[in-house]
PDB file of N, CA and C in Angstrom:
ATOM      1  N   MET A   1      93.876  -3.371 211.619  1.00  0.00           N
ATOM      2  CA  MET A   1      93.055  -3.741 213.075  1.00  0.00           C
ATOM      3  C   MET A   1      91.874  -2.956 212.863  1.00  0.00           C
ATOM      4  N   VAL A   2      90.434  -2.963 213.447  1.00  0.00           N
ATOM      5  CA  VAL A   2      89.422  -2.167 213.562  1.00  0.00           C
ATOM      6  C   VAL A   2      88.664  -2.581 214.850  1.00  0.00           C
ATOM      7  N   ALA A   3      89.344  -1.391 215.767  1.00  0.00           N
ATOM      8  CA  ALA A   3      88.641  -1.535 216.916  1.00  0.00           C
ATOM      9  C   ALA A   3      87.711  -0.464 217.954  1.00  0.00           C
ATOM     10  N   THR A   4      87.187  -0.941 218.359  1.00  0.00           N
ATOM     11  CA  THR A   4      85.948   0.423 218.833  1.00  0.00           C
ATOM     12  C   THR A   4      85.917   0.340 220.329  1.00  0.00           C
ATOM     13  N   SER A   5      85.865   1.568 221.175  1.00  0.00           N
ATOM     14  CA  SER A   5      85.712   1.781 222.137  1.00  0.00           C
ATOM     15  C   SER A   5      86.519   1.556 223.390  1.00  0.00           C
ATOM     16  N   LEU A   6      86.074   1.348 224.359  1.00  0.00           N
ATOM     17  CA  LEU A   6      87.966   0.690 225.639  1.00  0.00           C
ATOM     18  C   LEU A   6      88.551  -0.184 224.308  1.00  0.00           C
ATOM     19  N   ILE A   7      88.453  -0.903 224.008  1.00  0.00           N
ATOM     20  CA  ILE A   7      88.976  -1.698 223.447  1.00  0.00           C
ATOM     21  C   ILE A   7      90.356  -1.288 222.489  1.00  0.00           C
ATOM     22  N   VAL A   8      90.010   0.028 221.865  1.00  0.00           N
ATOM     23  CA  VAL A   8      90.971   0.489 220.881  1.00  0.00           C
ATOM     24  C   VAL A   8      92.493   1.053 222.094  1.00  0.00           C
ATOM     25  N   HIS A   9      92.374   1.230 223.526  1.00  0.00           N
ATOM     26  CA  HIS A   9      93.805   1.293 224.254  1.00  0.00           C
ATOM     27  C   HIS A   9      94.007  -0.071 223.923  1.00  0.00           C
ATOM     28  N   ARG A  10      93.796  -1.137 224.364  1.00  0.00           N
ATOM     29  CA  ARG A  10      94.142  -2.458 224.889  1.00  0.00           C
ATOM     30  C   ARG A  10      94.866  -2.854 223.345  1.00  0.00           C
ATOM     31  N   THR A  11      93.895  -2.565 222.278  1.00  0.00           N
ATOM     32  CA  THR A  11      94.629  -2.600 220.507  1.00  0.00           C
ATOM     33  C   THR A  11      95.770  -2.183 220.547  1.00  0.00           C
ATOM     34  N   LEU A  12      95.997  -0.695 221.042  1.00  0.00           N
ATOM     35  CA  LEU A  12      96.878   0.075 220.202  1.00  0.00           C
ATOM     36  C   LEU A  12      98.270  -0.807 221.559  1.00  0.00           C
ATOM     37  N   ASN A  13      97.852  -1.201 222.640  1.00  0.00           N
ATOM     38  CA  ASN A  13      98.805  -1.549 223.424  1.00  0.00           C
ATOM     39  C   ASN A  13      99.608  -3.107 222.656  1.00  0.00           C
ATOM     40  N   VAL A  14      98.983  -4.348 221.992  1.00  0.00           N
ATOM     41  CA  VAL A  14      98.981  -5.458 221.338  1.00  0.00           C
ATOM     42  C   VAL A  14      99.815  -4.439 220.397  1.00  0.00           C
ATOM     43  N   VAL A  15      99.313  -3.407 219.787  1.00  0.00           N
ATOM     44  CA  VAL A  15     100.248  -3.048 218.015  1.00  0.00           C
ATOM     45  C   VAL A  15     101.397  -2.494 218.961  1.00  0.00           C
ATOM     46  N   ASP A  16     101.601  -1.860 219.853  1.00  0.00           N
ATOM     47  CA  ASP A  16     103.099  -1.290 220.451  1.00  0.00           C
ATOM     48  C   ASP A  16     104.137  -2.628 220.699  1.00  0.00           C
ATOM     49  N   ARG A  17     103.256  -3.680 221.036  1.00  0.00           N
ATOM     50  CA  ARG A  17     104.290  -4.855 221.030  1.00  0.00           C
ATOM     51  C   ARG A  17     104.386  -5.653 219.901  1.00  0.00           C
ATOM     52  N   LEU A  18     103.515  -5.609 219.048  1.00  0.00           N
ATOM     53  CA  LEU A  18     103.885  -6.569 217.732  1.00  0.00           C
ATOM     54  C   LEU A  18     104.683  -5.372 216.839  1.00  0.00           C
ATOM     55  N   ALA A  19     105.396  -4.457 217.491  1.00  0.00           N
ATOM     56  CA  ALA A  19     105.825  -3.553 216.211  1.00  0.00           C
ATOM     57  C   ALA A  19     107.508  -3.783 217.015  1.00  0.00           C
ATOM     58  N   VAL A  20     107.345  -3.886 217.924  1.00  0.00           N
ATOM     59  CA  VAL A  20     108.910  -4.088 218.722  1.00  0.00           C
ATOM     60  C   VAL A  20     109.479  -5.769 217.701  1.00  0.00           C
ATOM     61  N   GLU A  21     108.280  -6.523 217.695  1.00  0.00           N
ATOM     62  CA  GLU A  21     108.825  -7.524 216.600  1.00  0.00           C
ATOM     63  C   GLU A  21     108.954  -7.379 215.499  1.00  0.00           C
ATOM     64  N   GLY A  22     108.923  -6.184 215.211  1.00  0.00           N
ATOM     65  CA  GLY A  22     109.373  -6.140 213.565  1.00  0.00           C
ATOM     66  C   GLY A  22     107.820  -6.021 212.459  1.00  0.00           C
ATOM     67  N   ILE A  23     106.740  -6.222 213.427  1.00  0.00           N
ATOM     68  CA  ILE A  23     105.177  -6.189 212.747  1.00  0.00           C
ATOM     69  C   ILE A  23     104.562  -5.064 212.386  1.00  0.00           C
ATOM     70  N   SER A  24     104.168  -4.575 211.460  1.00  0.00           N
ATOM     71  CA  SER A  24     103.147  -2.975 211.255  1.00  0.00           C
ATOM     72  C   SER A  24     101.966  -3.437 211.075  1.00  0.00           C
ATOM     73  N   VAL A  25     101.403  -2.748 211.782  1.00  0.00           N
ATOM     74  CA  VAL A  25      99.704  -3.055 212.005  1.00  0.00           C
ATOM     75  C   VAL A  25      98.914  -1.311 212.271  1.00  0.00           C
ATOM     76  N   GLU A  26      98.531  -1.463 210.873  1.00  0.00           N
ATOM     77  CA  GLU A  26      97.621  -0.223 210.957  1.00  0.00           C
ATOM     78  C   GLU A  26      95.735  -0.342 211.565  1.00  0.00           C
ATOM     79  N   VAL A  27      95.798   0.849 212.558  1.00  0.00           N
ATOM     80  CA  VAL A  27      94.664   0.261 213.649  1.00  0.00           C
ATOM     81  C   VAL A  27      93.906   1.723 213.303  1.00  0.00           C
ATOM     82  N   VAL A  28      92.376   1.056 212.888  1.00  0.00           N
ATOM     83  CA  VAL A  28      91.312   2.209 212.363  1.00  0.00           C
ATOM     84  C   VAL A  28      90.504   2.230 213.734  1.00  0.00           C
ATOM     85  N   ASP A  29      90.254   3.066 214.146  1.00  0.00           N
ATOM     86  CA  ASP A  29      89.054   3.617 215.397  1.00  0.00           C
ATOM     87  C   ASP A  29      88.008   4.132 214.756  1.00  0.00           C
ATOM     88  N   PRO A  30      87.095   3.544 214.559  1.00  0.00           N
ATOM     89  CA  PRO A  30      85.774   4.382 213.541  1.00  0.00           C
ATOM     90  C   PRO A  30      84.851   5.315 214.297  1.00  0.00           C
ATOM     91  N   ARG A  31      85.235   5.627 215.767  1.00  0.00           N
ATOM     92  CA  ARG A  31      84.676   6.558 216.514  1.00  0.00           C
ATOM     93  C   ARG A  31      83.418   6.501 217.133  1.00  0.00           C
ATOM     94  N   THR A  32      82.508   6.143 216.018  1.00  0.00           N
ATOM     95  CA  THR A  32      81.240   5.774 215.906  1.00  0.00           C
ATOM     96  C   THR A  32      80.474   4.420 215.080  1.00  0.00           C
ATOM     97  N   ILE A  33      79.970   3.701 215.542  1.00  0.00           N
ATOM     98  CA  ILE A  33      79.472   2.740 214.791  1.00  0.00           C
ATOM     99  C   ILE A  33      77.694   3.131 213.843  1.00  0.00           C
ATOM    100  N   VAL A  34      77.200   4.530 214.394  1.00  0.00           N
ATOM    101  CA  VAL A  34      76.488   4.680 213.811  1.00  0.00           C
ATOM    102  C   VAL A  34      76.479   6.163 213.471  1.00  0.00           C
ATOM    103  N   PRO A  35      76.576   6.884 212.358  1.00  0.00           N
ATOM    104  CA  PRO A  35      77.262   6.059 211.692  1.00  0.00           C
ATOM    105  C   PRO A  35      78.324   5.526 212.002  1.00  0.00           C
ATOM    106  N   LEU A  36      78.638   4.821 210.601  1.00  0.00           N
ATOM    107  CA  LEU A  36      79.873   3.904 210.488  1.00  0.00           C
ATOM    108  C   LEU A  36      81.032   4.767 209.579  1.00  0.00           C
ATOM    109  N   ASP A  37      82.110   4.331 209.718  1.00  0.00           N
ATOM    110  CA  ASP A  37      83.289   5.331 208.746  1.00  0.00           C
ATOM    111  C   ASP A  37      83.428   3.999 207.569  1.00  0.00           C
ATOM    112  N   LYS A  38      82.792   3.552 206.811  1.00  0.00           N
ATOM    113  CA  LYS A  38      82.821   2.549 206.325  1.00  0.00           C
ATOM    114  C   LYS A  38      84.121   2.851 205.427  1.00  0.00           C
ATOM    115  N   LYS A  39      83.793   3.864 204.463  1.00  0.00           N
ATOM    116  CA  LYS A  39      84.644   4.110 203.657  1.00  0.00           C
ATOM    117  C   LYS A  39      86.581   4.124 204.287  1.00  0.00           C
ATOM    118  N   THR A  40      87.056   4.470 205.467  1.00  0.00           N
ATOM    119  CA  THR A  40      88.298   4.505 205.755  1.00  0.00           C
ATOM    120  C   THR A  40      88.785   2.973 205.891  1.00  0.00           C
ATOM    121  N   ILE A  41      87.431   2.052 206.794  1.00  0.00           N
ATOM    122  CA  ILE A  41      87.615   0.817 207.123  1.00  0.00           C
ATOM    123  C   ILE A  41      87.978   0.164 205.642  1.00  0.00           C
ATOM    124  N   ILE A  42      87.535   0.136 204.745  1.00  0.00           N
ATOM    125  CA  ILE A  42      87.480  -0.341 203.099  1.00  0.00           C
ATOM    126  C   ILE A  42      88.693  -0.295 202.850  1.00  0.00           C
ATOM    127  N   GLU A  43      89.407   1.307 203.022  1.00  0.00           N
ATOM    128  CA  GLU A  43      90.527   1.460 202.194  1.00  0.00           C
ATOM    129  C   GLU A  43      91.119   0.929 203.054  1.00  0.00           C
ATOM    130  N   SER A  44      91.230   0.812 204.379  1.00  0.00           N
ATOM    131  CA  SER A  44      92.813  -0.311 205.185  1.00  0.00           C
ATOM    132  C   SER A  44      92.453  -1.345 204.788  1.00  0.00           C
ATOM    133  N   VAL A  45      91.660  -2.104 204.688  1.00  0.00           N
ATOM    134  CA  VAL A  45      91.686  -3.329 203.932  1.00  0.00           C
ATOM    135  C   VAL A  45      92.066  -3.726 202.832  1.00  0.00           C
ATOM    136  N   LYS A  46      91.569  -2.514 201.716  1.00  0.00           N
ATOM    137  CA  LYS A  46      91.924  -2.686 200.054  1.00  0.00           C
ATOM    138  C   LYS A  46      93.688  -2.407 200.601  1.00  0.00           C
ATOM    139  N   LYS A  47      94.142  -1.897 201.205  1.00  0.00           N
ATOM    140  CA  LYS A  47      95.456  -1.914 201.453  1.00  0.00           C
ATOM    141  C   LYS A  47      96.210  -2.782 201.694  1.00  0.00           C
ATOM    142  N   THR A  48      96.003  -3.210 202.713  1.00  0.00           N
ATOM    143  CA  THR A  48      96.757  -4.046 203.703  1.00  0.00           C
ATOM    144  C   THR A  48      96.151  -5.497 203.282  1.00  0.00           C
ATOM    145  N   ARG A  49      94.863  -5.680 202.634  1.00  0.00           N
ATOM    146  CA  ARG A  49      94.192  -7.106 202.188  1.00  0.00           C
ATOM    147  C   ARG A  49      94.323  -8.306 203.563  1.00  0.00           C
ATOM    148  N   ARG A  50      94.000  -7.232 204.292  1.00  0.00           N
ATOM    149  CA  ARG A  50      93.980  -8.163 205.664  1.00  0.00           C
ATOM    150  C   ARG A  50      93.002  -7.173 206.969  1.00  0.00           C
ATOM    151  N   LEU A  51      92.346  -7.925 207.511  1.00  0.00           N
ATOM    152  CA  LEU A  51      91.499  -7.207 208.551  1.00  0.00           C
ATOM    153  C   LEU A  51      91.585  -7.826 209.896  1.00  0.00           C
ATOM    154  N   VAL A  52      91.303  -7.525 210.647  1.00  0.00           N
ATOM    155  CA  VAL A  52      91.296  -7.796 212.296  1.00  0.00           C
ATOM    156  C   VAL A  52      90.487  -7.198 212.924  1.00  0.00           C
ATOM    157  N   VAL A  53      88.965  -7.370 213.585  1.00  0.00           N
ATOM    158  CA  VAL A  53      88.107  -6.794 214.102  1.00  0.00           C
ATOM    159  C   VAL A  53      88.261  -7.064 215.416  1.00  0.00           C
ATOM    160  N   VAL A  54      88.266  -6.214 216.771  1.00  0.00           N
ATOM    161  CA  VAL A  54      88.435  -6.660 218.306  1.00  0.00           C
ATOM    162  C   VAL A  54      87.048  -5.814 218.591  1.00  0.00           C
ATOM    163  N   ASP A  55      86.654  -6.530 218.885  1.00  0.00           N
ATOM    164  CA  ASP A  55      85.570  -5.956 220.106  1.00  0.00           C
ATOM    165  C   ASP A  55      85.015  -6.708 221.487  1.00  0.00           C
ATOM    166  N   GLU A  56      85.003  -6.187 222.493  1.00  0.00           N
ATOM    167  CA  GLU A  56      84.717  -6.723 223.477  1.00  0.00           C
ATOM    168  C   GLU A  56      82.996  -7.460 223.916  1.00  0.00           C
ATOM    169  N   ASP A  57      82.214  -6.882 222.680  1.00  0.00           N
ATOM    170  CA  ASP A  57      81.210  -7.733 222.697  1.00  0.00           C
ATOM    171  C   ASP A  57      81.465  -9.226 221.971  1.00  0.00           C
ATOM    172  N   HIS A  58      80.017  -9.446 221.907  1.00  0.00           N
ATOM    173  CA  HIS A  58      80.039 -11.244 221.349  1.00  0.00           C
ATOM    174  C   HIS A  58      80.915 -11.408 220.164  1.00  0.00           C
ATOM    175  N   GLU A  59      81.478 -12.174 219.645  1.00  0.00           N
ATOM    176  CA  GLU A  59      81.696 -12.751 218.461  1.00  0.00           C
ATOM    177  C   GLU A  59      80.430 -12.529 217.088  1.00  0.00           C
ATOM    178  N   ARG A  60      79.332 -13.274 217.600  1.00  0.00           N
ATOM    179  CA  ARG A  60      77.791 -13.421 216.921  1.00  0.00           C
ATOM    180  C   ARG A  60      77.395 -11.716 217.079  1.00  0.00           C
ATOM    181  N   CYS A  61      76.608 -11.389 216.147  1.00  0.00           N
ATOM    182  CA  CYS A  61      75.366 -10.338 216.489  1.00  0.00           C
ATOM    183  C   CYS A  61      76.348  -8.774 216.803  1.00  0.00           C
ATOM    184  N   GLY A  62      77.570  -9.337 216.884  1.00  0.00           N
ATOM    185  CA  GLY A  62      77.746  -7.630 217.126  1.00  0.00           C
ATOM    186  C   GLY A  62      78.341  -6.852 216.186  1.00  0.00           C
ATOM    187  N   ILE A  63      79.200  -5.591 216.540  1.00  0.00           N
ATOM    188  CA  ILE A  63      80.260  -4.732 215.519  1.00  0.00           C
ATOM    189  C   ILE A  63      80.987  -5.417 214.998  1.00  0.00           C
ATOM    190  N   CYS A  64      81.936  -6.800 215.576  1.00  0.00           N
ATOM    191  CA  CYS A  64      82.696  -7.537 214.627  1.00  0.00           C
ATOM    192  C   CYS A  64      82.186  -8.194 213.689  1.00  0.00           C
ATOM    193  N   SER A  65      81.282  -8.501 213.556  1.00  0.00           N
ATOM    194  CA  SER A  65      79.924  -9.234 212.471  1.00  0.00           C
ATOM    195  C   SER A  65      79.563  -8.748 211.676  1.00  0.00           C
ATOM    196  N   GLN A  66      78.956  -7.578 211.965  1.00  0.00           N
ATOM    197  CA  GLN A  66      78.558  -6.302 210.675  1.00  0.00           C
ATOM    198  C   GLN A  66      79.746  -5.712 209.937  1.00  0.00           C
ATOM    199  N   ILE A  67      81.234  -5.302 210.941  1.00  0.00           N
ATOM    200  CA  ILE A  67      82.110  -4.798 209.566  1.00  0.00           C
ATOM    201  C   ILE A  67      82.486  -6.044 208.902  1.00  0.00           C
ATOM    202  N   SER A  68      82.840  -6.933 209.372  1.00  0.00           N
ATOM    203  CA  SER A  68      83.354  -8.190 208.690  1.00  0.00           C
ATOM    204  C   SER A  68      82.437  -8.486 207.297  1.00  0.00           C
ATOM    205  N   ALA A  69      81.119  -8.568 207.807  1.00  0.00           N
ATOM    206  CA  ALA A  69      80.172  -8.584 206.649  1.00  0.00           C
ATOM    207  C   ALA A  69      80.239  -7.100 205.524  1.00  0.00           C
ATOM    208  N   ILE A  70      80.309  -5.897 206.206  1.00  0.00           N
ATOM    209  CA  ILE A  70      80.713  -5.151 204.942  1.00  0.00           C
ATOM    210  C   ILE A  70      81.905  -4.963 204.305  1.00  0.00           C
ATOM    211  N   VAL A  71      82.621  -5.582 204.857  1.00  0.00           N
ATOM    212  CA  VAL A  71      83.915  -5.942 204.383  1.00  0.00           C
ATOM    213  C   VAL A  71      83.885  -6.794 203.402  1.00  0.00           C
ATOM    214  N   SER A  72      83.647  -8.163 203.630  1.00  0.00           N
ATOM    215  CA  SER A  72      83.021  -8.972 202.523  1.00  0.00           C
ATOM    216  C   SER A  72      82.354  -8.756 201.545  1.00  0.00           C
ATOM    217  N   GLU A  73      81.448  -8.021 201.616  1.00  0.00           N
ATOM    218  CA  GLU A  73      80.619  -7.792 200.840  1.00  0.00           C
ATOM    219  C   GLU A  73      81.387  -6.412 199.663  1.00  0.00           C
ATOM    220  N   GLU A  74      82.329  -5.331 200.040  1.00  0.00           N
ATOM    221  CA  GLU A  74      82.214  -4.267 199.565  1.00  0.00           C
ATOM    222  C   GLU A  74      83.704  -3.969 199.634  1.00  0.00           C
ATOM    223  N   ALA A  75      84.532  -5.183 199.829  1.00  0.00           N
ATOM    224  CA  ALA A  75      85.968  -4.613 199.733  1.00  0.00           C
ATOM    225  C   ALA A  75      86.584  -6.029 199.065  1.00  0.00           C
ATOM    226  N   LEU A  76      86.368  -7.280 199.284  1.00  0.00           N
ATOM    227  CA  LEU A  76      86.982  -8.279 199.276  1.00  0.00           C
ATOM    228  C   LEU A  76      87.284  -9.023 197.990  1.00  0.00           C
ATOM    229  N   ASP A  77      87.874  -7.794 196.555  1.00  0.00           N
ATOM    230  CA  ASP A  77      87.800  -8.848 195.496  1.00  0.00           C
ATOM    231  C   ASP A  77      89.055  -9.554 195.345  1.00  0.00           C
ATOM    232  N   ASN A  78      89.818  -9.585 196.605  1.00  0.00           N
ATOM    233  CA  ASN A  78      91.149 -10.391 196.334  1.00  0.00           C
ATOM    234  C   ASN A  78      90.661 -12.113 196.959  1.00  0.00           C
ATOM    235  N   PRO A  79      91.494 -13.147 196.490  1.00  0.00           N
ATOM    236  CA  PRO A  79      91.599 -14.209 197.388  1.00  0.00           C
ATOM    237  C   PRO A  79      92.118 -14.567 198.251  1.00  0.00           C
ATOM    238  N   ASP A  80      93.047 -13.644 198.440  1.00  0.00           N
ATOM    239  CA  ASP A  80      94.198 -13.707 199.426  1.00  0.00           C
ATOM    240  C   ASP A  80      93.899 -13.318 200.664  1.00  0.00           C
ATOM    241  N   ALA A  81      92.803 -12.183 200.272  1.00  0.00           N
ATOM    242  CA  ALA A  81      92.858 -11.648 201.669  1.00  0.00           C
ATOM    243  C   ALA A  81      91.830 -12.368 202.972  1.00  0.00           C
ATOM    244  N   ARG A  82      92.245 -11.500 203.951  1.00  0.00           N
ATOM    245  CA  ARG A  82      91.350 -12.428 205.021  1.00  0.00           C
ATOM    246  C   ARG A  82      91.081 -11.875 206.314  1.00  0.00           C
ATOM    247  N   ILE A  83      89.790 -11.927 206.872  1.00  0.00           N
ATOM    248  CA  ILE A  83      89.030 -11.195 208.264  1.00  0.00           C
ATOM    249  C   ILE A  83      89.529 -12.365 209.129  1.00  0.00           C
ATOM    250  N   LYS A  84      89.480 -11.857 210.637  1.00  0.00           N
ATOM    251  CA  LYS A  84      89.510 -12.906 211.881  1.00  0.00           C
ATOM    252  C   LYS A  84      88.957 -11.683 212.789  1.00  0.00           C
ATOM    253  N   ARG A  85      87.790 -12.490 212.993  1.00  0.00           N
ATOM    254  CA  ARG A  85      87.353 -11.231 214.525  1.00  0.00           C
ATOM    255  C   ARG A  85      88.061 -12.104 216.197  1.00  0.00           C
ATOM    256  N   VAL A  86      88.402 -11.091 216.890  1.00  0.00           N
ATOM    257  CA  VAL A  86      88.385 -10.839 217.975  1.00  0.00           C
ATOM    258  C   VAL A  86      87.475 -10.338 218.903  1.00  0.00           C
ATOM    259  N   ALA A  87      87.105 -11.688 219.955  1.00  0.00           N
ATOM    260  CA  ALA A  87      85.607 -10.951 220.286  1.00  0.00           C
ATOM    261  C   ALA A  87      85.412 -11.895 221.343  1.00  0.00           C
ATOM    262  N   THR A  88      84.310 -11.842 222.679  1.00  0.00           N
ATOM    263  CA  THR A  88      83.937 -12.682 223.678  1.00  0.00           C
ATOM    264  C   THR A  88      83.489 -13.894 222.706  1.00  0.00           C
ATOM    265  N   PRO A  89      83.619 -14.858 222.964  1.00  0.00           N
ATOM    266  CA  PRO A  89      83.115 -15.898 222.628  1.00  0.00           C
ATOM    267  C   PRO A  89      81.253 -16.146 222.542  1.00  0.00           C
ATOM    268  N   THR A  90      80.560 -16.656 221.715  1.00  0.00           N
ATOM    269  CA  THR A  90      79.232 -16.777 221.727  1.00  0.00           C
ATOM    270  C   THR A  90      78.371 -17.394 222.906  1.00  0.00           C
ATOM    271  N   ALA A  91      77.808 -16.796 223.688  1.00  0.00           N
ATOM    272  CA  ALA A  91      77.261 -17.302 224.675  1.00  0.00           C
ATOM    273  C   ALA A  91      76.312 -17.290 225.602  1.00  0.00           C
ATOM    274  N   PRO A  92      75.328 -17.756 226.397  1.00  0.00           N
ATOM    275  CA  PRO A  92      74.203 -17.293 226.995  1.00  0.00           C
ATOM    276  C   PRO A  92      74.774 -15.925 227.612  1.00  0.00           C
ATOM    277  N   ILE A  93      73.826 -14.933 227.733  1.00  0.00           N
ATOM    278  CA  ILE A  93      73.594 -13.891 228.884  1.00  0.00           C
ATOM    279  C   ILE A  93      73.017 -14.523 230.005  1.00  0.00           C
ATOM    280  N   PRO A  94      73.698 -14.264 230.899  1.00  0.00           N
ATOM    281  CA  PRO A  94      73.220 -15.055 232.310  1.00  0.00           C
ATOM    282  C   PRO A  94      72.249 -13.737 232.508  1.00  0.00           C
ATOM    283  N   SER A  95      70.895 -14.691 233.233  1.00  0.00           N
ATOM    284  CA  SER A  95      70.092 -14.114 233.726  1.00  0.00           C
ATOM    285  C   SER A  95      69.023 -14.704 235.163  1.00  0.00           C
ATOM    286  N   SER A  96      67.826 -13.622 235.357  1.00  0.00           N
ATOM    287  CA  SER A  96      67.698 -14.342 236.423  1.00  0.00           C
ATOM    288  C   SER A  96      66.483 -13.182 236.385  1.00  0.00           C
ATOM    289  N   PRO A  97      64.970 -14.544 236.579  1.00  0.00           N
ATOM    290  CA  PRO A  97      63.740 -13.988 236.364  1.00  0.00           C
ATOM    291  C   PRO A  97      63.569 -12.936 238.197  1.00  0.00           C
ATOM    292  N   VAL A  98      63.950 -13.594 239.267  1.00  0.00           N
ATOM    293  CA  VAL A  98      64.102 -12.392 240.010  1.00  0.00           C
ATOM    294  C   VAL A  98      64.601 -11.248 240.200  1.00  0.00           C
ATOM    295  N   LEU A  99      65.516 -11.251 239.550  1.00  0.00           N
ATOM    296  CA  LEU A  99      66.199  -9.910 239.547  1.00  0.00           C
ATOM    297  C   LEU A  99      65.501  -8.915 238.298  1.00  0.00           C
TER     298      LEU A  99
END
């Protein structure tokens, strides 16, 4: 799992619950998005053949999409490898011309 910012703490809570069920999860916290630690993310994906990117931003046009794209372009040479994004559904951002 790759998680950024506040969502890292929530992800670690989920990982603890999964460990009780016997499910092992590696968590990568890149700390910054620019520069992005692509090397660590790609090494993890090559080892596990899985990627779950967790982000509190929108699924489209957020860091989830960017990390997924980088991994699919640079690390997925195995047809069994999978990517899953966990993010806010894509929706218009409310706004008001008065505000």
